[in-house]
Amino acid sequence: MNVFMSTLWQEIQYKMLRSGSKLNLLIGINIFVFLLINIPGIFETLLFNTAHIAHFSDEYLLLPASLHKLLTHFWTPLTYMFMHAGIFHILFNMLWFYWFGQIFEDFLGKKRTLGLYLMGGLAGATFYVVCYNVFPFYTQIHAADSSTLVGASASVMAVMAATATQLPDYTISLILIGPVRLKWLVLFFIVIDFLGITGLNAGGELSHLGGALIGFLYIKQLQKGNDWIAIIAKVFKPRPKMKVVANNPSKNAPYFPRQEEIDLILDKISKSGYDSLTKQEKEVLFRASKQ
């Protein structure tokens, strides 16, 4: 048993920290946060019949729609996207994230997942707060006063929409349905979300639309040569104090493809599919995924 647990823990550590996949890291963080809050919360309820842990997380980690409360809980646009309301909430979010995230990292590399996840979550938070404080449907019933947002759904929708925008004709097989192109699957979710923005989970549906919008816009800009994630990373990246120049560069230094090469190959995939690539082009994509 001890050997099994040790092996399992080593496998989890590798997947999250050393595999290079930000997808695995983000899924691990979401699961860890969920268990960290809910396991002690269950014991608290069983032993003391109280819910202080749940109250604390709801009060200080979920995103409020109230602008007044948001000013004093300014960290919540970040924390809410790692919180979940229940086991099925996190289960379905992480399943969709895993399925689409794998395709996203295969074709666009592993360095963009974290940035898009955060951008999607922030876009969903912004869309939710703005709509709840602007549209009469919400303001007339003072919905913002008591509403909070929870979940990684906006971040997941950003990855789903980005993947479908880059690879609209990529086909996956769904149980009981069969082969479905990504563009139709994501469009179905977007329509469902739009139809629900006046329903019981209006805030959640609004955040999904915000996440999907940023995912779509990100890929459209990337196809034009504007990588928003790379630009943001450069802004916050500390500048080196001194420049080191190698006098004798190694001839065996690893070759990494230029962004222009990658973009041309991705355009070819979106038009003709992955199977149309030559062996050399597939090798370029493989090298790009290691960057």
Protein backbone atom coordinates (compact mmCIF):
# COMPACT_ATOMS: atom_id res chain seq x y z
CA MET A 1 0.00 0.00 0.00
CA ASN A 2 2.82 2.37 0.93
CA VAL A 3 4.61 1.59 -2.35
CA PHE A 4 1.42 2.25 -4.30
CA MET A 5 0.82 5.59 -2.57
CA SER A 6 4.45 6.61 -3.06
CA THR A 7 4.30 5.76 -6.77
CA LEU A 8 0.98 7.57 -7.15
CA TRP A 9 2.35 10.68 -5.43
CA GLN A 10 5.46 10.67 -7.64
CA GLU A 11 3.25 10.36 -10.72
CA ILE A 12 1.09 13.30 -9.59
CA GLN A 13 4.18 15.40 -8.90
CA TYR A 14 5.57 14.64 -12.35
CA LYS A 15 2.28 15.41 -14.12
CA MET A 16 1.79 18.71 -12.30
CA LEU A 17 5.31 20.08 -11.89
CA ARG A 18 7.78 18.44 -14.25
CA SER A 19 5.82 17.43 -17.37
CA GLY A 20 5.71 21.03 -18.61
CA SER A 21 1.93 20.86 -19.03
CA LYS A 22 0.13 23.82 -17.48
CA LEU A 23 -3.11 21.92 -18.06
CA ASN A 24 -2.15 19.27 -15.50
CA LEU A 25 -0.94 21.95 -13.09
CA LEU A 26 -4.21 23.89 -13.25
CA ILE A 27 -6.36 20.78 -12.85
CA GLY A 28 -4.24 19.79 -9.86
CA ILE A 29 -4.63 23.22 -8.25
CA ASN A 30 -8.41 23.14 -8.71
CA ILE A 31 -8.70 19.68 -7.16
CA PHE A 32 -6.34 20.58 -4.30
CA VAL A 33 -8.30 23.75 -3.43
CA PHE A 34 -11.60 21.87 -3.58
CA LEU A 35 -10.39 19.14 -1.23
CA LEU A 36 -8.63 21.60 1.08
CA ILE A 37 -11.89 23.44 1.71
CA ASN A 38 -14.46 20.65 1.55
CA ILE A 39 -12.82 17.84 3.53
CA PRO A 40 -12.31 19.95 6.69
CA GLY A 41 -15.74 21.50 6.09
CA ILE A 42 -17.42 18.08 6.15
CA PHE A 43 -15.68 17.11 9.40
CA GLU A 44 -16.63 20.46 10.92
CA THR A 45 -20.29 19.89 10.08
CA LEU A 46 -20.28 16.28 11.32
CA LEU A 47 -18.55 17.06 14.62
CA PHE A 48 -19.83 20.51 15.53
CA ASN A 49 -22.86 21.05 13.27
CA THR A 50 -21.37 24.37 12.10
CA ALA A 51 -20.23 25.68 8.71
CA HIS A 52 -17.60 28.32 9.46
CA ILE A 53 -15.22 27.06 6.76
CA ALA A 54 -17.92 27.15 4.08
CA HIS A 55 -19.01 30.60 5.23
CA PHE A 56 -15.43 31.90 5.14
CA SER A 57 -14.80 30.59 1.61
CA ASP A 58 -18.11 31.99 0.35
CA GLU A 59 -17.43 35.37 1.94
CA TYR A 60 -13.78 35.84 1.01
CA LEU A 61 -13.03 33.65 -2.03
CA LEU A 62 -16.10 33.96 -4.27
CA LEU A 63 -16.57 36.95 -6.60
CA PRO A 64 -19.28 39.41 -5.51
CA ALA A 65 -21.27 41.33 -8.13
CA SER A 66 -21.64 44.30 -5.77
CA LEU A 67 -19.15 47.01 -6.71
CA HIS A 68 -19.01 48.23 -3.10
CA LYS A 69 -18.10 44.77 -1.81
CA LEU A 70 -15.73 44.14 -4.71
CA LEU A 71 -13.62 47.14 -3.63
CA THR A 72 -12.92 45.45 -0.30
CA HIS A 73 -12.59 41.97 -1.82
CA PHE A 74 -10.38 42.96 -4.75
CA TRP A 75 -8.59 39.58 -4.86
CA THR A 76 -11.76 37.60 -5.63
CA PRO A 77 -11.61 38.00 -9.47
CA LEU A 78 -8.61 35.67 -9.19
CA THR A 79 -9.65 33.32 -6.38
CA TYR A 80 -13.17 32.59 -7.65
CA MET A 81 -11.86 30.79 -10.75
CA PHE A 82 -10.28 28.09 -8.57
CA MET A 83 -13.41 27.50 -6.45
CA HIS A 84 -16.34 25.14 -7.07
CA ALA A 85 -19.82 24.72 -5.63
CA GLY A 86 -19.90 20.92 -5.49
CA ILE A 87 -18.43 17.64 -6.68
CA PHE A 88 -20.30 17.58 -10.00
CA HIS A 89 -19.42 21.22 -10.64
CA ILE A 90 -15.67 20.56 -10.45
CA LEU A 91 -15.98 17.15 -12.13
CA PHE A 92 -17.57 18.42 -15.35
CA ASN A 93 -15.44 21.57 -15.44
CA MET A 94 -12.22 19.57 -15.18
CA LEU A 95 -13.36 16.94 -17.68
CA TRP A 96 -14.13 19.51 -20.37
CA PHE A 97 -10.94 21.39 -19.48
CA TYR A 98 -8.89 18.20 -19.82
CA TRP A 99 -10.42 17.15 -23.15
CA PHE A 100 -10.10 20.53 -24.83
CA GLY A 101 -6.91 21.47 -23.02
CA GLN A 102 -5.08 18.47 -24.44
CA ILE A 103 -6.00 19.50 -27.99
CA PHE A 104 -5.09 23.11 -27.22
CA GLU A 105 -1.63 22.20 -25.92
CA ASP A 106 -0.98 19.73 -28.75
CA PHE A 107 -1.49 22.39 -31.41
CA LEU A 108 -0.65 25.65 -29.65
CA GLY A 109 1.99 24.57 -27.16
CA LYS A 110 2.02 24.28 -23.38
CA LYS A 111 3.03 27.85 -22.56
CA ARG A 112 -0.28 29.50 -23.44
CA THR A 113 -2.67 27.44 -21.27
CA LEU A 114 -2.08 29.25 -17.98
CA GLY A 115 -2.32 32.70 -19.56
CA LEU A 116 -5.56 31.90 -21.38
CA TYR A 117 -7.04 30.29 -18.26
CA LEU A 118 -6.42 33.49 -16.28
CA MET A 119 -7.59 35.76 -19.10
CA GLY A 120 -10.77 33.74 -19.50
CA GLY A 121 -11.50 33.87 -15.78
CA LEU A 122 -10.91 37.63 -15.61
CA ALA A 123 -13.00 38.23 -18.74
CA GLY A 124 -15.83 36.17 -17.27
CA ALA A 125 -15.60 38.10 -14.00
CA THR A 126 -15.69 41.43 -15.82
CA PHE A 127 -18.64 40.44 -17.99
CA TYR A 128 -20.56 39.22 -14.95
CA VAL A 129 -19.94 42.30 -12.79
CA VAL A 130 -20.61 44.80 -15.60
CA CYS A 131 -23.87 43.15 -16.71
CA TYR A 132 -25.19 42.87 -13.14
CA ASN A 133 -24.57 46.57 -12.57
CA VAL A 134 -25.69 47.91 -15.96
CA PHE A 135 -28.64 45.99 -17.41
CA PRO A 136 -32.07 46.93 -15.96
CA PHE A 137 -33.12 43.29 -15.72
CA TYR A 138 -30.52 42.83 -12.96
CA THR A 139 -30.36 46.31 -11.44
CA GLN A 140 -34.13 46.65 -10.90
CA ILE A 141 -34.16 43.60 -8.65
CA HIS A 142 -30.81 44.56 -7.05
CA ALA A 143 -29.35 41.20 -8.06
CA ALA A 144 -25.79 42.39 -7.49
CA ASP A 145 -26.37 42.90 -3.77
CA SER A 146 -26.60 39.20 -2.99
CA SER A 147 -24.99 37.51 -6.00
CA THR A 148 -21.59 35.81 -6.09
CA LEU A 149 -19.76 33.92 -8.83
CA VAL A 150 -17.90 30.64 -8.36
CA GLY A 151 -16.14 28.19 -10.64
CA ALA A 152 -13.57 27.74 -13.39
CA SER A 153 -16.24 27.64 -16.10
CA ALA A 154 -15.29 30.98 -17.69
CA SER A 155 -11.65 29.91 -17.88
CA VAL A 156 -12.62 26.53 -19.32
CA MET A 157 -14.90 28.19 -21.89
CA ALA A 158 -12.00 30.42 -22.96
CA VAL A 159 -9.88 27.34 -23.71
CA MET A 160 -12.78 25.58 -25.43
CA ALA A 161 -13.62 28.59 -27.62
CA ALA A 162 -9.96 29.19 -28.46
CA THR A 163 -9.47 25.56 -29.47
CA ALA A 164 -12.61 25.55 -31.62
CA THR A 165 -11.62 28.85 -33.25
CA GLN A 166 -8.16 27.55 -34.14
CA LEU A 167 -9.36 24.07 -35.16
CA PRO A 168 -13.03 24.46 -36.13
CA ASP A 169 -13.23 21.22 -38.11
CA TYR A 170 -11.31 19.08 -35.63
CA THR A 171 -13.59 16.14 -34.80
CA ILE A 172 -14.06 14.33 -31.51
CA SER A 173 -16.33 11.41 -30.72
CA LEU A 174 -18.97 11.81 -28.01
CA ILE A 175 -20.74 8.93 -26.29
CA LEU A 176 -24.27 8.34 -27.70
CA ILE A 177 -23.73 11.15 -30.26
CA GLY A 178 -20.74 10.15 -32.35
CA PRO A 179 -18.31 12.38 -34.25
CA VAL A 180 -18.79 16.12 -33.65
CA ARG A 181 -16.76 19.05 -34.94
CA LEU A 182 -15.43 21.38 -32.28
CA LYS A 183 -17.09 24.46 -33.77
CA TRP A 184 -20.58 22.95 -33.47
CA LEU A 185 -19.98 21.63 -29.97
CA VAL A 186 -18.75 24.96 -28.62
CA LEU A 187 -21.44 26.87 -30.49
CA PHE A 188 -24.03 24.64 -28.81
CA PHE A 189 -22.67 25.54 -25.37
CA ILE A 190 -22.61 29.24 -26.22
CA VAL A 191 -26.25 29.18 -27.35
CA ILE A 192 -27.27 27.33 -24.18
CA ASP A 193 -25.41 29.91 -22.08
CA PHE A 194 -27.05 32.82 -23.90
CA LEU A 195 -30.52 31.35 -23.40
CA GLY A 196 -29.82 31.12 -19.68
CA ILE A 197 -28.72 34.71 -18.93
CA THR A 198 -32.15 35.54 -17.50
CA GLY A 199 -32.48 32.28 -15.57
CA LEU A 200 -31.51 31.05 -12.13
CA ASN A 201 -27.79 30.82 -12.98
CA ALA A 202 -27.64 34.07 -14.94
CA GLY A 203 -24.30 35.11 -13.44
CA GLY A 204 -22.65 31.85 -14.37
CA GLU A 205 -23.97 31.95 -17.93
CA LEU A 206 -22.75 35.55 -18.36
CA SER A 207 -19.28 34.59 -17.18
CA HIS A 208 -19.23 31.69 -19.67
CA LEU A 209 -19.97 34.11 -22.50
CA GLY A 210 -17.20 36.44 -21.35
CA GLY A 211 -14.72 33.58 -21.26
CA ALA A 212 -15.78 32.31 -24.69
CA LEU A 213 -15.44 35.81 -26.16
CA ILE A 214 -11.86 36.27 -24.91
CA GLY A 215 -10.91 32.80 -26.19
CA PHE A 216 -12.26 33.64 -29.65
CA LEU A 217 -10.59 37.07 -29.75
CA TYR A 218 -7.28 35.69 -28.51
CA ILE A 219 -7.01 33.19 -31.37
CA LYS A 220 -8.09 35.77 -33.96
CA GLN A 221 -5.33 38.09 -32.77
CA LEU A 222 -2.84 35.24 -32.60
CA GLN A 223 -3.56 34.40 -36.22
CA LYS A 224 -2.67 38.00 -37.04
CA GLY A 225 0.62 37.67 -35.21
CA ASN A 226 -0.46 39.32 -31.95
CA ASP A 227 0.05 36.98 -29.00
CA TRP A 228 -1.62 38.76 -26.08
CA ILE A 229 -0.22 36.26 -23.58
CA ALA A 230 3.34 36.78 -24.78
CA ILE A 231 2.87 40.56 -24.68
CA ILE A 232 1.57 40.46 -21.09
CA ALA A 233 4.39 38.11 -20.09
CA LYS A 234 6.98 40.54 -21.49
CA VAL A 235 5.45 43.45 -19.57
CA PHE A 236 5.71 41.62 -16.24
CA LYS A 237 8.96 39.78 -16.95
CA PRO A 238 11.84 41.30 -14.94
CA ARG A 239 14.57 42.76 -17.12
CA PRO A 240 18.02 41.21 -16.71
CA LYS A 241 20.59 43.49 -15.09
CA MET A 242 23.35 42.42 -17.43
CA LYS A 243 23.55 40.82 -20.85
CA VAL A 244 25.66 37.70 -21.24
CA VAL A 245 27.06 36.97 -24.71
CA ALA A 246 28.38 33.51 -25.47
CA ASN A 247 31.72 33.60 -27.27
CA ASN A 248 31.54 30.01 -28.49
CA PRO A 249 27.95 28.98 -29.09
CA SER A 250 27.46 25.25 -29.35
CA LYS A 251 26.71 23.91 -32.79
CA ASN A 252 24.53 21.31 -31.12
CA ALA A 253 22.20 23.84 -29.49
CA PRO A 254 18.55 22.72 -29.83
CA TYR A 255 16.57 24.24 -32.66
CA PHE A 256 13.19 25.76 -31.85
CA PRO A 257 10.91 26.85 -34.70
CA ARG A 258 10.01 30.50 -35.22
CA GLN A 259 6.47 31.70 -34.57
CA GLU A 260 6.00 32.35 -38.31
CA GLU A 261 6.65 28.67 -39.07
CA ILE A 262 4.21 27.57 -36.40
CA ASP A 263 1.49 29.94 -37.62
CA LEU A 264 1.79 28.66 -41.20
CA ILE A 265 1.44 25.07 -40.03
CA LEU A 266 -1.55 25.90 -37.81
CA ASP A 267 -3.22 27.64 -40.76
CA LYS A 268 -2.68 24.50 -42.83
CA ILE A 269 -4.24 22.36 -40.07
CA SER A 270 -7.30 24.61 -39.83
CA LYS A 271 -7.83 24.32 -43.61
CA SER A 272 -6.82 20.73 -44.36
CA GLY A 273 -6.57 18.91 -41.04
CA TYR A 274 -3.66 17.46 -39.10
CA ASP A 275 -3.25 14.47 -41.43
CA SER A 276 -2.29 16.81 -44.30
CA LEU A 277 0.98 17.74 -42.59
CA THR A 278 4.30 16.40 -43.80
CA LYS A 279 6.64 14.54 -41.46
CA GLN A 280 8.85 17.63 -41.25
CA GLU A 281 5.89 19.87 -40.34
CA LYS A 282 4.81 17.46 -37.61
CA GLU A 283 8.35 17.55 -36.25
CA VAL A 284 8.21 21.36 -36.16
CA LEU A 285 4.97 21.20 -34.15
CA PHE A 286 6.56 18.71 -31.79
CA ARG A 287 9.53 20.99 -31.19
CA ALA A 288 7.22 23.96 -30.68
CA SER A 289 5.31 22.07 -27.97
CA LYS A 290 8.62 21.66 -26.09
CA GLN A 291 9.37 25.39 -26.04
